[in-house]
Amino acid sequence: MSITYDLICIGAGPTGLACAIEAKRAGLRPLVIDKGCLCNSLYHYPTNMQFFTTPERMEIGDLPMTTVGGKPTRAEALKYYRRAVEHYGIEVRLYEKVEGIAGHDGAFAAHSRDTDGAPHQYHAKKIVLATGYYDLPNFLNVPGEELPHVAHYFTDAHPYWNKDVVVIGAKNSAAEAALDLFRGGARVTLVHRGAELGKSLKYWVKPDIENRIRSGEIRALFQTRVARFEPESVIVQNGGDVQNLPAFRAFAMTGYHPDFSFLESLGIRLDPKTRKPDCNLQTLESNVPGIYLAGVLLGGLHTGEIFIENGRFHGRQIIAAITGHAGPQEPAPVSPPGE
């Protein structure tokens, strides 16, 4: 006889894990499913990334996070969330993509498929969606974007020593990639369609990137858009001026968005302009009874509104709504760690 879980959390990032932990603490039996590894998005962050926050603002399940410095690194965060899962004995199914959800409130069936193509089915009374947004980049939609030297994720500068690299964007992810590449010995050109660097740059990144640009160590082209990608080059345009930039690698750091198609396939209504889902902000239950939303999904296209620091409390709201027991109120948002 198959198990019926009290809830299935789809997404094994910090928010999804926080939801499962709060369920376990309330005496419920949760299951977490993710198409990638544990904390898949964090794993794919730049290797040397440091979060723009303090450890206590990333904690889940009232477990303390210890760090060597004042701000957690990617490696420290991954270790912490592994230990949190082990501490609470959370059941997880990794490398399984949920392709659909059938049934109704109290009797859902989640259909997934593993990396070998084998299908799986899990039953639950409630569903929590905490699928984040990092898996789906915002494409430039210009010719050649599918070429192998074009990437929407940056991990490590070492392979690009003594190579020409183009970084597209001007927010934190682009600025940090440009700086890391420069210090790794790459010849970096930063391209941005706006007139200046992003206003939300981290306070320690802003003067660093400005000084590198001012000194000519990093070339910056503002009010410049990408016209197309060609093998080992990026064609950019500033008004009537067209330039061919040599590029062994091009990093389009243009942001990411939630999987809106998946949400709509479940019957969740989205605002046509903001793409924010129809959701009760007190209980976090969507317009589909029994399906709850947590984390950055709630922000729609405005992904900078929700991050680990406040999304980690969504589990308390959801479990309080499911069990009928009032939980702690979510604190006011703080500055985001990335964009």
C-alpha atoms as a PDB file:
ATOM      1  CA  MET A   1       0.000   0.000   0.000  1.00  0.00           C
ATOM      2  CA  SER A   2       1.440   3.377  -1.004  1.00  0.00           C
ATOM      3  CA  ILE A   3       2.217   6.043   1.578  1.00  0.00           C
ATOM      4  CA  THR A   4       0.070   9.155   1.753  1.00  0.00           C
ATOM      5  CA  TYR A   5       2.185  12.049   2.999  1.00  0.00           C
ATOM      6  CA  ASP A   6       0.659  14.973   4.840  1.00  0.00           C
ATOM      7  CA  LEU A   7       2.342  17.265   2.339  1.00  0.00           C
ATOM      8  CA  ILE A   8       4.778  17.149  -0.534  1.00  0.00           C
ATOM      9  CA  CYS A   9       7.205  20.052  -0.920  1.00  0.00           C
ATOM     10  CA  ILE A  10       8.340  20.450  -4.502  1.00  0.00           C
ATOM     11  CA  GLY A  11      11.726  22.132  -4.376  1.00  0.00           C
ATOM     12  CA  ALA A  12      14.624  21.241  -2.063  1.00  0.00           C
ATOM     13  CA  GLY A  13      16.042  24.731  -1.638  1.00  0.00           C
ATOM     14  CA  PRO A  14      16.167  26.531   1.726  1.00  0.00           C
ATOM     15  CA  THR A  15      12.491  27.541   1.505  1.00  0.00           C
ATOM     16  CA  GLY A  16      11.233  24.079   0.573  1.00  0.00           C
ATOM     17  CA  LEU A  17      13.368  22.502   3.296  1.00  0.00           C
ATOM     18  CA  ALA A  18      12.082  25.032   5.829  1.00  0.00           C
ATOM     19  CA  CYS A  19       8.504  24.067   4.919  1.00  0.00           C
ATOM     20  CA  ALA A  20       9.256  20.369   5.386  1.00  0.00           C
ATOM     21  CA  ILE A  21      11.035  20.974   8.692  1.00  0.00           C
ATOM     22  CA  GLU A  22       8.123  23.008  10.066  1.00  0.00           C
ATOM     23  CA  ALA A  23       5.778  20.205   9.003  1.00  0.00           C
ATOM     24  CA  LYS A  24       7.943  17.610  10.768  1.00  0.00           C
ATOM     25  CA  ARG A  25       8.036  19.739  13.918  1.00  0.00           C
ATOM     26  CA  ALA A  26       4.234  19.945  13.834  1.00  0.00           C
ATOM     27  CA  GLY A  27       3.941  16.161  13.765  1.00  0.00           C
ATOM     28  CA  LEU A  28       3.227  15.865  10.053  1.00  0.00           C
ATOM     29  CA  ARG A  29       4.954  13.618   7.544  1.00  0.00           C
ATOM     30  CA  PRO A  30       6.454  15.623   4.654  1.00  0.00           C
ATOM     31  CA  LEU A  31       8.263  14.580   1.498  1.00  0.00           C
ATOM     32  CA  VAL A  32      10.582  16.831  -0.507  1.00  0.00           C
ATOM     33  CA  ILE A  33      11.111  16.293  -4.250  1.00  0.00           C
ATOM     34  CA  ASP A  34      13.609  18.134  -6.447  1.00  0.00           C
ATOM     35  CA  LYS A  35      14.722  17.708 -10.048  1.00  0.00           C
ATOM     36  CA  GLY A  36      18.324  18.425  -9.052  1.00  0.00           C
ATOM     37  CA  CYS A  37      20.548  18.005  -6.030  1.00  0.00           C
ATOM     38  CA  LEU A  38      19.831  19.327  -2.557  1.00  0.00           C
ATOM     39  CA  CYS A  39      19.783  23.134  -2.743  1.00  0.00           C
ATOM     40  CA  ASN A  40      20.319  22.860  -6.485  1.00  0.00           C
ATOM     41  CA  SER A  41      20.275  26.616  -7.114  1.00  0.00           C
ATOM     42  CA  LEU A  42      22.810  27.349  -4.367  1.00  0.00           C
ATOM     43  CA  TYR A  43      25.012  24.583  -5.723  1.00  0.00           C
ATOM     44  CA  HIS A  44      25.092  26.311  -9.121  1.00  0.00           C
ATOM     45  CA  TYR A  45      25.982  29.708  -7.669  1.00  0.00           C
ATOM     46  CA  PRO A  46      29.543  30.949  -8.330  1.00  0.00           C
ATOM     47  CA  THR A  47      32.063  28.771  -6.533  1.00  0.00           C
ATOM     48  CA  ASN A  48      33.466  31.580  -4.399  1.00  0.00           C
ATOM     49  CA  MET A  49      30.167  33.363  -3.745  1.00  0.00           C
ATOM     50  CA  GLN A  50      29.560  35.057  -0.404  1.00  0.00           C
ATOM     51  CA  PHE A  51      25.993  35.861   0.674  1.00  0.00           C
ATOM     52  CA  PHE A  52      24.939  39.444   1.311  1.00  0.00           C
ATOM     53  CA  THR A  53      23.537  38.643   4.761  1.00  0.00           C
ATOM     54  CA  THR A  54      24.452  37.296   8.182  1.00  0.00           C
ATOM     55  CA  PRO A  55      24.205  33.596   9.169  1.00  0.00           C
ATOM     56  CA  GLU A  56      21.171  33.910  11.438  1.00  0.00           C
ATOM     57  CA  ARG A  57      19.075  35.232   8.556  1.00  0.00           C
ATOM     58  CA  MET A  58      19.630  32.022   6.607  1.00  0.00           C
ATOM     59  CA  GLU A  59      18.823  29.630   9.434  1.00  0.00           C
ATOM     60  CA  ILE A  60      15.913  27.180   9.253  1.00  0.00           C
ATOM     61  CA  GLY A  61      14.354  24.969  11.902  1.00  0.00           C
ATOM     62  CA  ASP A  62      15.934  27.048  14.691  1.00  0.00           C
ATOM     63  CA  LEU A  63      19.291  25.424  13.943  1.00  0.00           C
ATOM     64  CA  PRO A  64      22.297  27.766  14.308  1.00  0.00           C
ATOM     65  CA  MET A  65      24.531  28.348  11.293  1.00  0.00           C
ATOM     66  CA  THR A  66      28.224  28.756  12.023  1.00  0.00           C
ATOM     67  CA  THR A  67      30.558  30.532   9.626  1.00  0.00           C
ATOM     68  CA  VAL A  68      34.227  31.455   9.589  1.00  0.00           C
ATOM     69  CA  GLY A  69      33.537  35.062   8.574  1.00  0.00           C
ATOM     70  CA  GLY A  70      30.665  37.465   9.086  1.00  0.00           C
ATOM     71  CA  LYS A  71      28.807  36.353   5.961  1.00  0.00           C
ATOM     72  CA  PRO A  72      28.171  32.757   4.867  1.00  0.00           C
ATOM     73  CA  THR A  73      29.917  31.382   1.823  1.00  0.00           C
ATOM     74  CA  ARG A  74      28.265  29.093  -0.719  1.00  0.00           C
ATOM     75  CA  ALA A  75      30.145  26.084   0.688  1.00  0.00           C
ATOM     76  CA  GLU A  76      29.125  26.895   4.271  1.00  0.00           C
ATOM     77  CA  ALA A  77      25.472  27.289   3.274  1.00  0.00           C
ATOM     78  CA  LEU A  78      25.401  23.964   1.415  1.00  0.00           C
ATOM     79  CA  LYS A  79      26.928  22.168   4.386  1.00  0.00           C
ATOM     80  CA  TYR A  80      24.423  23.792   6.757  1.00  0.00           C
ATOM     81  CA  TYR A  81      21.351  22.771   4.742  1.00  0.00           C
ATOM     82  CA  ARG A  82      22.659  19.192   4.387  1.00  0.00           C
ATOM     83  CA  ARG A  83      23.012  18.997   8.150  1.00  0.00           C
ATOM     84  CA  ALA A  84      19.532  20.479   8.678  1.00  0.00           C
ATOM     85  CA  VAL A  85      17.978  17.714   6.546  1.00  0.00           C
ATOM     86  CA  GLU A  86      19.959  15.067   8.416  1.00  0.00           C
ATOM     87  CA  HIS A  87      19.077  16.539  11.820  1.00  0.00           C
ATOM     88  CA  TYR A  88      15.337  16.463  11.196  1.00  0.00           C
ATOM     89  CA  GLY A  89      15.339  13.253   9.171  1.00  0.00           C
ATOM     90  CA  ILE A  90      13.544  14.817   6.210  1.00  0.00           C
ATOM     91  CA  GLU A  91      12.597  12.386   3.424  1.00  0.00           C
ATOM     92  CA  VAL A  92      13.871  13.654   0.080  1.00  0.00           C
ATOM     93  CA  ARG A  93      13.712  12.390  -3.490  1.00  0.00           C
ATOM     94  CA  LEU A  94      16.409  14.100  -5.532  1.00  0.00           C
ATOM     95  CA  TYR A  95      16.996  14.099  -9.295  1.00  0.00           C
ATOM     96  CA  GLU A  96      13.277  13.593  -9.922  1.00  0.00           C
ATOM     97  CA  LYS A  97      11.384  16.185 -11.941  1.00  0.00           C
ATOM     98  CA  VAL A  98       7.725  16.632 -11.025  1.00  0.00           C
ATOM     99  CA  GLU A  99       5.893  16.715 -14.345  1.00  0.00           C
ATOM    100  CA  GLY A 100       2.346  17.082 -13.075  1.00  0.00           C
ATOM    101  CA  ILE A 101       0.003  17.015 -10.110  1.00  0.00           C
ATOM    102  CA  ALA A 102      -3.400  15.337 -10.212  1.00  0.00           C
ATOM    103  CA  GLY A 103      -6.219  15.034  -7.710  1.00  0.00           C
ATOM    104  CA  HIS A 104      -7.657  17.537  -5.284  1.00  0.00           C
ATOM    105  CA  ASP A 105      -7.276  18.959  -1.784  1.00  0.00           C
ATOM    106  CA  GLY A 106      -6.744  16.040   0.592  1.00  0.00           C
ATOM    107  CA  ALA A 107      -5.918  13.582  -2.174  1.00  0.00           C
ATOM    108  CA  PHE A 108      -3.141  14.753  -4.501  1.00  0.00           C
ATOM    109  CA  ALA A 109      -0.844  12.616  -6.642  1.00  0.00           C
ATOM    110  CA  ALA A 110       2.513  14.038  -7.754  1.00  0.00           C
ATOM    111  CA  HIS A 111       3.923  12.435 -10.893  1.00  0.00           C
ATOM    112  CA  SER A 112       7.695  12.630 -11.347  1.00  0.00           C
ATOM    113  CA  ARG A 113      10.365  11.153 -13.577  1.00  0.00           C
ATOM    114  CA  ASP A 114      13.947  10.378 -12.583  1.00  0.00           C
ATOM    115  CA  THR A 115      17.116  10.855 -14.617  1.00  0.00           C
ATOM    116  CA  ASP A 116      16.763   7.372 -16.109  1.00  0.00           C
ATOM    117  CA  GLY A 117      13.278   8.218 -17.372  1.00  0.00           C
ATOM    118  CA  ALA A 118      11.490   5.985 -14.864  1.00  0.00           C
ATOM    119  CA  PRO A 119       8.135   7.361 -13.636  1.00  0.00           C
ATOM    120  CA  HIS A 120       7.234   7.732  -9.946  1.00  0.00           C
ATOM    121  CA  GLN A 121       4.053   8.674  -8.135  1.00  0.00           C
ATOM    122  CA  TYR A 122       3.610  10.060  -4.633  1.00  0.00           C
ATOM    123  CA  HIS A 123       0.399  10.794  -2.729  1.00  0.00           C
ATOM    124  CA  ALA A 124      -0.205  13.675  -0.330  1.00  0.00           C
ATOM    125  CA  LYS A 125      -3.000  15.600   1.341  1.00  0.00           C
ATOM    126  CA  LYS A 126      -1.381  18.973   0.593  1.00  0.00           C
ATOM    127  CA  ILE A 127       1.170  20.338  -1.883  1.00  0.00           C
ATOM    128  CA  VAL A 128       3.747  23.093  -1.321  1.00  0.00           C
ATOM    129  CA  LEU A 129       5.453  24.616  -4.346  1.00  0.00           C
ATOM    130  CA  ALA A 130       8.875  26.107  -3.575  1.00  0.00           C
ATOM    131  CA  THR A 131      10.545  25.728  -6.949  1.00  0.00           C
ATOM    132  CA  GLY A 132      12.424  29.044  -6.980  1.00  0.00           C
ATOM    133  CA  TYR A 133      13.500  30.718 -10.200  1.00  0.00           C
ATOM    134  CA  TYR A 134      17.213  30.104 -10.826  1.00  0.00           C
ATOM    135  CA  ASP A 135      16.655  27.294 -13.348  1.00  0.00           C
ATOM    136  CA  LEU A 136      15.077  29.581 -15.955  1.00  0.00           C
ATOM    137  CA  PRO A 137      17.247  32.464 -17.233  1.00  0.00           C
ATOM    138  CA  ASN A 138      15.844  35.564 -18.865  1.00  0.00           C
ATOM    139  CA  PHE A 139      16.974  35.175 -22.458  1.00  0.00           C
ATOM    140  CA  LEU A 140      18.068  38.110 -24.578  1.00  0.00           C
ATOM    141  CA  ASN A 141      16.237  36.540 -27.538  1.00  0.00           C
ATOM    142  CA  VAL A 142      18.863  37.545 -30.072  1.00  0.00           C
ATOM    143  CA  PRO A 143      20.403  35.400 -32.842  1.00  0.00           C
ATOM    144  CA  GLY A 144      23.145  33.033 -31.744  1.00  0.00           C
ATOM    145  CA  GLU A 145      22.160  32.869 -28.067  1.00  0.00           C
ATOM    146  CA  GLU A 146      22.139  29.080 -28.317  1.00  0.00           C
ATOM    147  CA  LEU A 147      25.830  28.942 -29.352  1.00  0.00           C
ATOM    148  CA  PRO A 148      28.067  26.911 -27.020  1.00  0.00           C
ATOM    149  CA  HIS A 149      30.197  29.867 -25.904  1.00  0.00           C
ATOM    150  CA  VAL A 150      27.136  31.714 -24.507  1.00  0.00           C
ATOM    151  CA  ALA A 151      26.203  30.988 -20.888  1.00  0.00           C
ATOM    152  CA  HIS A 152      23.642  32.358 -18.418  1.00  0.00           C
ATOM    153  CA  TYR A 153      25.474  31.060 -15.361  1.00  0.00           C
ATOM    154  CA  PHE A 154      28.944  31.821 -14.027  1.00  0.00           C
ATOM    155  CA  THR A 155      30.789  29.492 -11.672  1.00  0.00           C
ATOM    156  CA  ASP A 156      34.563  29.914 -11.843  1.00  0.00           C
ATOM    157  CA  ALA A 157      37.068  32.266 -13.500  1.00  0.00           C
ATOM    158  CA  HIS A 158      40.005  29.872 -13.820  1.00  0.00           C
ATOM    159  CA  PRO A 159      39.186  28.428 -17.293  1.00  0.00           C
ATOM    160  CA  TYR A 160      39.194  31.933 -18.807  1.00  0.00           C
ATOM    161  CA  TRP A 161      42.712  33.039 -17.864  1.00  0.00           C
ATOM    162  CA  ASN A 162      44.235  35.052 -20.716  1.00  0.00           C
ATOM    163  CA  LYS A 163      40.966  34.881 -22.697  1.00  0.00           C
ATOM    164  CA  ASP A 164      38.547  37.551 -23.957  1.00  0.00           C
ATOM    165  CA  VAL A 165      35.295  37.374 -22.024  1.00  0.00           C
ATOM    166  CA  VAL A 166      32.132  39.471 -22.402  1.00  0.00           C
ATOM    167  CA  VAL A 167      29.793  39.901 -19.430  1.00  0.00           C
ATOM    168  CA  ILE A 168      26.292  41.204 -20.162  1.00  0.00           C
ATOM    169  CA  GLY A 169      24.405  42.974 -17.377  1.00  0.00           C
ATOM    170  CA  ALA A 170      25.186  45.442 -14.597  1.00  0.00           C
ATOM    171  CA  LYS A 171      23.623  44.089 -11.403  1.00  0.00           C
ATOM    172  CA  ASN A 172      25.363  42.099  -8.690  1.00  0.00           C
ATOM    173  CA  SER A 173      25.741  38.829 -10.560  1.00  0.00           C
ATOM    174  CA  ALA A 174      27.266  40.564 -13.603  1.00  0.00           C
ATOM    175  CA  ALA A 175      29.533  42.849 -11.567  1.00  0.00           C
ATOM    176  CA  GLU A 176      30.806  40.008  -9.381  1.00  0.00           C
ATOM    177  CA  ALA A 177      31.408  37.775 -12.394  1.00  0.00           C
ATOM    178  CA  ALA A 178      33.322  40.569 -14.127  1.00  0.00           C
ATOM    179  CA  LEU A 179      35.486  41.154 -11.058  1.00  0.00           C
ATOM    180  CA  ASP A 180      36.152  37.456 -10.524  1.00  0.00           C
ATOM    181  CA  LEU A 181      37.079  37.004 -14.173  1.00  0.00           C
ATOM    182  CA  PHE A 182      39.369  40.038 -14.097  1.00  0.00           C
ATOM    183  CA  ARG A 183      41.174  38.712 -11.033  1.00  0.00           C
ATOM    184  CA  GLY A 184      41.412  35.313 -12.710  1.00  0.00           C
ATOM    185  CA  GLY A 185      43.397  36.859 -15.557  1.00  0.00           C
ATOM    186  CA  ALA A 186      40.654  37.246 -18.192  1.00  0.00           C
ATOM    187  CA  ARG A 187      40.294  40.289 -20.462  1.00  0.00           C
ATOM    188  CA  VAL A 188      36.807  41.457 -19.519  1.00  0.00           C
ATOM    189  CA  THR A 189      34.322  43.667 -21.341  1.00  0.00           C
ATOM    190  CA  LEU A 190      31.097  44.558 -19.520  1.00  0.00           C
ATOM    191  CA  VAL A 191      28.096  45.368 -21.730  1.00  0.00           C
ATOM    192  CA  HIS A 192      24.952  47.024 -20.382  1.00  0.00           C
ATOM    193  CA  ARG A 193      21.964  48.545 -22.123  1.00  0.00           C
ATOM    194  CA  GLY A 194      21.539  51.129 -19.345  1.00  0.00           C
ATOM    195  CA  ALA A 195      23.513  54.282 -18.727  1.00  0.00           C
ATOM    196  CA  GLU A 196      25.143  53.142 -15.475  1.00  0.00           C
ATOM    197  CA  LEU A 197      25.721  50.238 -13.118  1.00  0.00           C
ATOM    198  CA  GLY A 198      22.780  48.797 -11.188  1.00  0.00           C
ATOM    199  CA  LYS A 199      21.704  50.825  -8.160  1.00  0.00           C
ATOM    200  CA  SER A 200      21.362  47.712  -5.949  1.00  0.00           C
ATOM    201  CA  LEU A 201      25.041  46.727  -6.107  1.00  0.00           C
ATOM    202  CA  LYS A 202      26.446  45.409  -2.830  1.00  0.00           C
ATOM    203  CA  TYR A 203      28.257  48.130  -0.933  1.00  0.00           C
ATOM    204  CA  TRP A 204      31.621  46.381  -1.229  1.00  0.00           C
ATOM    205  CA  VAL A 205      31.144  45.477  -4.918  1.00  0.00           C
ATOM    206  CA  LYS A 206      30.164  48.955  -6.138  1.00  0.00           C
ATOM    207  CA  PRO A 207      33.466  50.807  -5.504  1.00  0.00           C
ATOM    208  CA  ASP A 208      35.458  47.793  -6.636  1.00  0.00           C
ATOM    209  CA  ILE A 209      33.810  47.512 -10.061  1.00  0.00           C
ATOM    210  CA  GLU A 210      33.747  51.305 -10.485  1.00  0.00           C
ATOM    211  CA  ASN A 211      37.478  51.537  -9.805  1.00  0.00           C
ATOM    212  CA  ARG A 212      38.272  48.693 -12.207  1.00  0.00           C
ATOM    213  CA  ILE A 213      36.246  50.397 -14.939  1.00  0.00           C
ATOM    214  CA  ARG A 214      37.748  53.800 -14.219  1.00  0.00           C
ATOM    215  CA  SER A 215      41.287  52.415 -14.403  1.00  0.00           C
ATOM    216  CA  GLY A 216      40.555  50.584 -17.653  1.00  0.00           C
ATOM    217  CA  GLU A 217      41.201  47.176 -16.116  1.00  0.00           C
ATOM    218  CA  ILE A 218      37.618  46.230 -17.034  1.00  0.00           C
ATOM    219  CA  ARG A 219      36.220  47.729 -20.214  1.00  0.00           C
ATOM    220  CA  ALA A 220      32.600  48.888 -19.873  1.00  0.00           C
ATOM    221  CA  LEU A 221      30.182  49.699 -22.686  1.00  0.00           C
ATOM    222  CA  PHE A 222      27.026  51.406 -21.428  1.00  0.00           C
ATOM    223  CA  GLN A 223      23.856  52.171 -23.390  1.00  0.00           C
ATOM    224  CA  THR A 224      24.909  49.263 -25.559  1.00  0.00           C
ATOM    225  CA  ARG A 225      22.765  46.276 -26.507  1.00  0.00           C
ATOM    226  CA  VAL A 226      23.678  42.855 -27.843  1.00  0.00           C
ATOM    227  CA  ALA A 227      22.620  42.551 -31.483  1.00  0.00           C
ATOM    228  CA  ARG A 228      23.691  38.918 -31.942  1.00  0.00           C
ATOM    229  CA  PHE A 229      26.213  36.279 -30.967  1.00  0.00           C
ATOM    230  CA  GLU A 230      28.625  34.751 -33.439  1.00  0.00           C
ATOM    231  CA  PRO A 231      31.228  32.022 -32.865  1.00  0.00           C
ATOM    232  CA  GLU A 232      33.804  33.482 -30.448  1.00  0.00           C
ATOM    233  CA  SER A 233      32.355  36.997 -30.703  1.00  0.00           C
ATOM    234  CA  VAL A 234      29.515  39.244 -29.575  1.00  0.00           C
ATOM    235  CA  ILE A 235      28.103  41.892 -31.920  1.00  0.00           C
ATOM    236  CA  VAL A 236      26.915  44.939 -29.970  1.00  0.00           C
ATOM    237  CA  GLN A 237      25.276  48.177 -31.006  1.00  0.00           C
ATOM    238  CA  ASN A 238      25.269  51.649 -29.502  1.00  0.00           C
ATOM    239  CA  GLY A 239      23.024  53.822 -31.635  1.00  0.00           C
ATOM    240  CA  GLY A 240      24.462  53.517 -35.108  1.00  0.00           C
ATOM    241  CA  ASP A 241      27.812  52.253 -33.868  1.00  0.00           C
ATOM    242  CA  VAL A 242      28.286  48.487 -34.267  1.00  0.00           C
ATOM    243  CA  GLN A 243      31.209  46.656 -32.658  1.00  0.00           C
ATOM    244  CA  ASN A 244      32.470  43.094 -32.884  1.00  0.00           C
ATOM    245  CA  LEU A 245      33.756  42.063 -29.459  1.00  0.00           C
ATOM    246  CA  PRO A 246      36.044  39.010 -29.323  1.00  0.00           C
ATOM    247  CA  ALA A 247      34.608  36.502 -26.863  1.00  0.00           C
ATOM    248  CA  PHE A 248      36.012  33.111 -25.973  1.00  0.00           C
ATOM    249  CA  ARG A 249      33.059  33.088 -23.562  1.00  0.00           C
ATOM    250  CA  ALA A 250      30.027  35.330 -23.116  1.00  0.00           C
ATOM    251  CA  PHE A 251      28.111  35.422 -19.832  1.00  0.00           C
ATOM    252  CA  ALA A 252      24.593  36.838 -20.166  1.00  0.00           C
ATOM    253  CA  MET A 253      23.849  37.652 -16.526  1.00  0.00           C
ATOM    254  CA  THR A 254      20.358  38.969 -17.219  1.00  0.00           C
ATOM    255  CA  GLY A 255      18.378  37.433 -14.367  1.00  0.00           C
ATOM    256  CA  TYR A 256      15.986  34.522 -13.975  1.00  0.00           C
ATOM    257  CA  HIS A 257      12.259  33.838 -13.546  1.00  0.00           C
ATOM    258  CA  PRO A 258       9.950  31.204 -11.993  1.00  0.00           C
ATOM    259  CA  ASP A 259       8.391  28.399 -14.033  1.00  0.00           C
ATOM    260  CA  PHE A 260       5.141  30.174 -14.847  1.00  0.00           C
ATOM    261  CA  SER A 261       4.037  27.465 -17.287  1.00  0.00           C
ATOM    262  CA  PHE A 262       4.130  24.823 -14.561  1.00  0.00           C
ATOM    263  CA  LEU A 263       2.077  26.999 -12.214  1.00  0.00           C
ATOM    264  CA  GLU A 264      -0.531  27.630 -14.889  1.00  0.00           C
ATOM    265  CA  SER A 265      -0.670  23.917 -15.763  1.00  0.00           C
ATOM    266  CA  LEU A 266      -1.884  23.328 -12.199  1.00  0.00           C
ATOM    267  CA  GLY A 267      -4.636  25.903 -12.561  1.00  0.00           C
ATOM    268  CA  ILE A 268      -2.914  28.659 -10.577  1.00  0.00           C
ATOM    269  CA  ARG A 269      -3.938  32.079 -11.845  1.00  0.00           C
ATOM    270  CA  LEU A 270      -1.179  34.611 -12.582  1.00  0.00           C
ATOM    271  CA  ASP A 271      -1.461  38.374 -12.837  1.00  0.00           C
ATOM    272  CA  PRO A 272      -1.057  39.214 -16.540  1.00  0.00           C
ATOM    273  CA  LYS A 273       1.392  42.043 -15.839  1.00  0.00           C
ATOM    274  CA  THR A 274       3.401  41.080 -12.742  1.00  0.00           C
ATOM    275  CA  ARG A 275       2.902  37.298 -13.110  1.00  0.00           C
ATOM    276  CA  LYS A 276       2.321  37.121  -9.364  1.00  0.00           C
ATOM    277  CA  PRO A 277       0.164  34.108  -8.471  1.00  0.00           C
ATOM    278  CA  ASP A 278      -3.320  34.325  -6.999  1.00  0.00           C
ATOM    279  CA  CYS A 279      -2.548  33.558  -3.370  1.00  0.00           C
ATOM    280  CA  ASN A 280      -3.917  34.237   0.123  1.00  0.00           C
ATOM    281  CA  LEU A 281      -1.055  36.172   1.713  1.00  0.00           C
ATOM    282  CA  GLN A 282      -2.058  35.041   5.216  1.00  0.00           C
ATOM    283  CA  THR A 283      -2.148  31.300   4.548  1.00  0.00           C
ATOM    284  CA  LEU A 284      -0.099  31.243   1.310  1.00  0.00           C
ATOM    285  CA  GLU A 285      -2.698  28.934  -0.225  1.00  0.00           C
ATOM    286  CA  SER A 286      -3.141  29.490  -3.962  1.00  0.00           C
ATOM    287  CA  ASN A 287      -6.468  29.743  -5.743  1.00  0.00           C
ATOM    288  CA  VAL A 288      -6.237  25.936  -6.124  1.00  0.00           C
ATOM    289  CA  PRO A 289      -7.368  24.496  -2.753  1.00  0.00           C
ATOM    290  CA  GLY A 290      -4.643  22.522  -1.032  1.00  0.00           C
ATOM    291  CA  ILE A 291      -1.759  23.896  -3.117  1.00  0.00           C
ATOM    292  CA  TYR A 292       0.430  26.366  -1.247  1.00  0.00           C
ATOM    293  CA  LEU A 293       3.194  28.648  -2.551  1.00  0.00           C
ATOM    294  CA  ALA A 294       6.458  29.523  -0.832  1.00  0.00           C
ATOM    295  CA  GLY A 295       9.521  31.572  -1.618  1.00  0.00           C
ATOM    296  CA  VAL A 296      10.296  33.591  -4.697  1.00  0.00           C
ATOM    297  CA  LEU A 297       7.287  32.225  -6.630  1.00  0.00           C
ATOM    298  CA  LEU A 298       5.160  34.738  -4.750  1.00  0.00           C
ATOM    299  CA  GLY A 299       7.022  37.645  -6.355  1.00  0.00           C
ATOM    300  CA  GLY A 300       6.228  36.741  -9.949  1.00  0.00           C
ATOM    301  CA  LEU A 301       8.516  38.736 -12.202  1.00  0.00           C
ATOM    302  CA  HIS A 302       9.656  40.781  -9.186  1.00  0.00           C
ATOM    303  CA  THR A 303      12.128  38.161  -8.011  1.00  0.00           C
ATOM    304  CA  GLY A 304      14.017  40.670  -5.850  1.00  0.00           C
ATOM    305  CA  GLU A 305      11.107  40.944  -3.399  1.00  0.00           C
ATOM    306  CA  ILE A 306      11.606  37.533  -1.792  1.00  0.00           C
ATOM    307  CA  PHE A 307      14.811  35.743  -0.865  1.00  0.00           C
ATOM    308  CA  ILE A 308      16.110  33.261   1.697  1.00  0.00           C
ATOM    309  CA  GLU A 309      15.903  35.711   4.589  1.00  0.00           C
ATOM    310  CA  ASN A 310      12.127  36.086   4.445  1.00  0.00           C
ATOM    311  CA  GLY A 311      11.134  33.075   2.322  1.00  0.00           C
ATOM    312  CA  ARG A 312      12.383  30.730   5.058  1.00  0.00           C
ATOM    313  CA  PHE A 313       9.442  31.852   7.241  1.00  0.00           C
ATOM    314  CA  HIS A 314       6.812  30.851   4.689  1.00  0.00           C
ATOM    315  CA  GLY A 315       6.875  27.314   6.046  1.00  0.00           C
ATOM    316  CA  ARG A 316       5.614  28.534   9.400  1.00  0.00           C
ATOM    317  CA  GLN A 317       2.732  30.358   7.761  1.00  0.00           C
ATOM    318  CA  ILE A 318       1.768  27.361   5.664  1.00  0.00           C
ATOM    319  CA  ILE A 319       1.963  24.807   8.456  1.00  0.00           C
ATOM    320  CA  ALA A 320       0.029  27.137  10.762  1.00  0.00           C
ATOM    321  CA  ALA A 321      -2.700  27.338   8.126  1.00  0.00           C
ATOM    322  CA  ILE A 322      -2.749  23.564   7.587  1.00  0.00           C
ATOM    323  CA  THR A 323      -2.792  22.658  11.285  1.00  0.00           C
ATOM    324  CA  GLY A 324      -4.897  25.576  12.475  1.00  0.00           C
ATOM    325  CA  HIS A 325      -2.277  26.651  14.976  1.00  0.00           C
ATOM    326  CA  ALA A 326      -1.063  30.240  14.758  1.00  0.00           C
ATOM    327  CA  GLY A 327       2.621  30.552  13.990  1.00  0.00           C
ATOM    328  CA  PRO A 328       5.120  33.420  14.313  1.00  0.00           C
ATOM    329  CA  GLN A 329       4.615  36.392  12.051  1.00  0.00           C
ATOM    330  CA  GLU A 330       6.965  36.849   9.137  1.00  0.00           C
ATOM    331  CA  PRO A 331       9.523  39.629   9.814  1.00  0.00           C
ATOM    332  CA  ALA A 332       9.922  42.642   7.593  1.00  0.00           C
ATOM    333  CA  PRO A 333      11.981  41.987   4.441  1.00  0.00           C
ATOM    334  CA  VAL A 334      15.696  42.764   4.504  1.00  0.00           C
ATOM    335  CA  SER A 335      18.156  43.478   1.745  1.00  0.00           C
ATOM    336  CA  PRO A 336      18.456  40.635  -0.784  1.00  0.00           C
ATOM    337  CA  PRO A 337      21.675  38.596  -1.034  1.00  0.00           C
ATOM    338  CA  GLY A 338      22.020  38.833  -4.796  1.00  0.00           C
ATOM    339  CA  GLU A 339      20.162  40.927  -7.347  1.00  0.00           C
END
